Amino acid sequence: MPRISYVDPSTIRDPELRGYLEDARLHGTPRPESQAVRAHQPEVLRHFTRTWNAVFKQGIVEHRTKELCRVYVSQLVNCTY
């Protein structure tokens, strides 16, 4: 099965992008591994993270709706947690 490599944060010169990876490492969301894959395309990482922050951290979507999304995704991927 093919795998996409993770970008090493120390190789990223843009402080904004490095900050996104560091924030993911510290808080665990979005998943640091996923962010390291997105870093292959800096604009994807930038736009994804800005959207994630607006929706999840700044509360554009109410908490109940976010919880329903989490349940839906966990069911979709057969997560038993």
C-alpha atoms as a PDB file:
ATOM      1  CA  MET A   1       0.000   0.000   0.000  1.00  0.00           C
ATOM      2  CA  PRO A   2       1.512   3.373  -1.005  1.00  0.00           C
ATOM      3  CA  ARG A   3       2.220   5.885   1.705  1.00  0.00           C
ATOM      4  CA  ILE A   4       2.678   9.622   1.501  1.00  0.00           C
ATOM      5  CA  SER A   5       5.694  10.819   3.422  1.00  0.00           C
ATOM      6  CA  TYR A   6       5.483  13.301   6.265  1.00  0.00           C
ATOM      7  CA  VAL A   7       7.170  16.655   5.844  1.00  0.00           C
ATOM      8  CA  ASP A   8       9.773  17.310   8.534  1.00  0.00           C
ATOM      9  CA  PRO A   9       8.718  20.570  10.244  1.00  0.00           C
ATOM     10  CA  SER A  10      12.347  21.677  10.508  1.00  0.00           C
ATOM     11  CA  THR A  11      12.489  21.897   6.701  1.00  0.00           C
ATOM     12  CA  ILE A  12       9.663  24.448   6.504  1.00  0.00           C
ATOM     13  CA  ARG A  13      10.845  28.043   6.360  1.00  0.00           C
ATOM     14  CA  ASP A  14       7.458  29.777   6.499  1.00  0.00           C
ATOM     15  CA  PRO A  15       6.816  30.579  10.193  1.00  0.00           C
ATOM     16  CA  GLU A  16       3.030  30.476   9.719  1.00  0.00           C
ATOM     17  CA  LEU A  17       3.149  26.925   8.342  1.00  0.00           C
ATOM     18  CA  ARG A  18       5.640  25.767  10.971  1.00  0.00           C
ATOM     19  CA  GLY A  19       3.296  27.198  13.587  1.00  0.00           C
ATOM     20  CA  TYR A  20       0.409  25.138  12.217  1.00  0.00           C
ATOM     21  CA  LEU A  21       2.459  21.949  12.532  1.00  0.00           C
ATOM     22  CA  GLU A  22       3.632  22.875  16.025  1.00  0.00           C
ATOM     23  CA  ASP A  23       0.084  23.653  17.129  1.00  0.00           C
ATOM     24  CA  ALA A  24      -1.081  20.262  15.849  1.00  0.00           C
ATOM     25  CA  ARG A  25       1.795  18.561  17.683  1.00  0.00           C
ATOM     26  CA  LEU A  26       0.957  20.323  20.942  1.00  0.00           C
ATOM     27  CA  HIS A  27      -2.817  19.852  20.830  1.00  0.00           C
ATOM     28  CA  GLY A  28      -3.230  16.693  18.740  1.00  0.00           C
ATOM     29  CA  THR A  29      -5.774  18.350  16.462  1.00  0.00           C
ATOM     30  CA  PRO A  30      -5.861  18.406  13.595  1.00  0.00           C
ATOM     31  CA  ARG A  31      -3.852  15.194  13.595  1.00  0.00           C
ATOM     32  CA  PRO A  32      -0.142  16.063  13.362  1.00  0.00           C
ATOM     33  CA  GLU A  33       0.429  13.254  10.857  1.00  0.00           C
ATOM     34  CA  SER A  34      -2.282  14.590   8.564  1.00  0.00           C
ATOM     35  CA  GLN A  35      -0.887  18.086   8.822  1.00  0.00           C
ATOM     36  CA  ALA A  36       2.593  16.799   7.950  1.00  0.00           C
ATOM     37  CA  VAL A  37       1.144  15.241   4.786  1.00  0.00           C
ATOM     38  CA  ARG A  38      -0.728  18.439   3.888  1.00  0.00           C
ATOM     39  CA  ALA A  39       2.562  20.333   4.239  1.00  0.00           C
ATOM     40  CA  HIS A  40       3.659  18.892   0.885  1.00  0.00           C
ATOM     41  CA  GLN A  41       1.312  21.510  -0.577  1.00  0.00           C
ATOM     42  CA  PRO A  42       1.747  24.670   1.522  1.00  0.00           C
ATOM     43  CA  GLU A  43      -1.457  26.321   0.291  1.00  0.00           C
ATOM     44  CA  VAL A  44      -3.466  23.213   1.156  1.00  0.00           C
ATOM     45  CA  LEU A  45      -2.007  23.238   4.670  1.00  0.00           C
ATOM     46  CA  ARG A  46      -2.661  26.963   5.018  1.00  0.00           C
ATOM     47  CA  HIS A  47      -6.290  26.883   3.835  1.00  0.00           C
ATOM     48  CA  PHE A  48      -7.188  23.646   5.616  1.00  0.00           C
ATOM     49  CA  THR A  49      -5.805  24.934   8.917  1.00  0.00           C
ATOM     50  CA  ARG A  50      -7.503  28.305   8.647  1.00  0.00           C
ATOM     51  CA  THR A  51     -10.822  26.565   7.963  1.00  0.00           C
ATOM     52  CA  TRP A  52     -10.253  24.071  10.801  1.00  0.00           C
ATOM     53  CA  ASN A  53      -9.478  26.898  13.221  1.00  0.00           C
ATOM     54  CA  ALA A  54     -12.544  28.878  12.182  1.00  0.00           C
ATOM     55  CA  VAL A  55     -14.892  25.924  12.499  1.00  0.00           C
ATOM     56  CA  PHE A  56     -13.491  24.045  15.473  1.00  0.00           C
ATOM     57  CA  LYS A  57     -11.477  26.510  17.538  1.00  0.00           C
ATOM     58  CA  GLN A  58     -13.440  29.711  17.002  1.00  0.00           C
ATOM     59  CA  GLY A  59     -16.803  28.009  17.260  1.00  0.00           C
ATOM     60  CA  ILE A  60     -18.558  28.896  14.022  1.00  0.00           C
ATOM     61  CA  VAL A  61     -20.278  25.527  14.310  1.00  0.00           C
ATOM     62  CA  GLU A  62     -22.063  24.837  17.598  1.00  0.00           C
ATOM     63  CA  HIS A  63     -20.696  22.082  19.815  1.00  0.00           C
ATOM     64  CA  ARG A  64     -23.691  19.732  19.328  1.00  0.00           C
ATOM     65  CA  THR A  65     -23.196  19.717  15.572  1.00  0.00           C
ATOM     66  CA  LYS A  66     -19.476  19.035  15.900  1.00  0.00           C
ATOM     67  CA  GLU A  67     -20.208  16.078  18.168  1.00  0.00           C
ATOM     68  CA  LEU A  68     -22.646  14.663  15.616  1.00  0.00           C
ATOM     69  CA  CYS A  69     -19.946  14.989  12.960  1.00  0.00           C
ATOM     70  CA  ARG A  70     -17.500  13.106  15.168  1.00  0.00           C
ATOM     71  CA  VAL A  71     -19.997  10.295  15.704  1.00  0.00           C
ATOM     72  CA  TYR A  72     -20.713  10.120  11.975  1.00  0.00           C
ATOM     73  CA  VAL A  73     -17.016   9.922  11.066  1.00  0.00           C
ATOM     74  CA  SER A  74     -16.321   7.314  13.747  1.00  0.00           C
ATOM     75  CA  GLN A  75     -19.146   5.164  12.396  1.00  0.00           C
ATOM     76  CA  LEU A  76     -17.962   5.677   8.842  1.00  0.00           C
ATOM     77  CA  VAL A  77     -14.474   4.343   9.636  1.00  0.00           C
ATOM     78  CA  ASN A  78     -15.736   1.624  11.997  1.00  0.00           C
ATOM     79  CA  CYS A  79     -14.046   3.134  15.038  1.00  0.00           C
ATOM     80  CA  THR A  80     -14.869   1.142  18.153  1.00  0.00           C
ATOM     81  CA  TYR A  81     -13.549   3.827  20.485  1.00  0.00           C
END
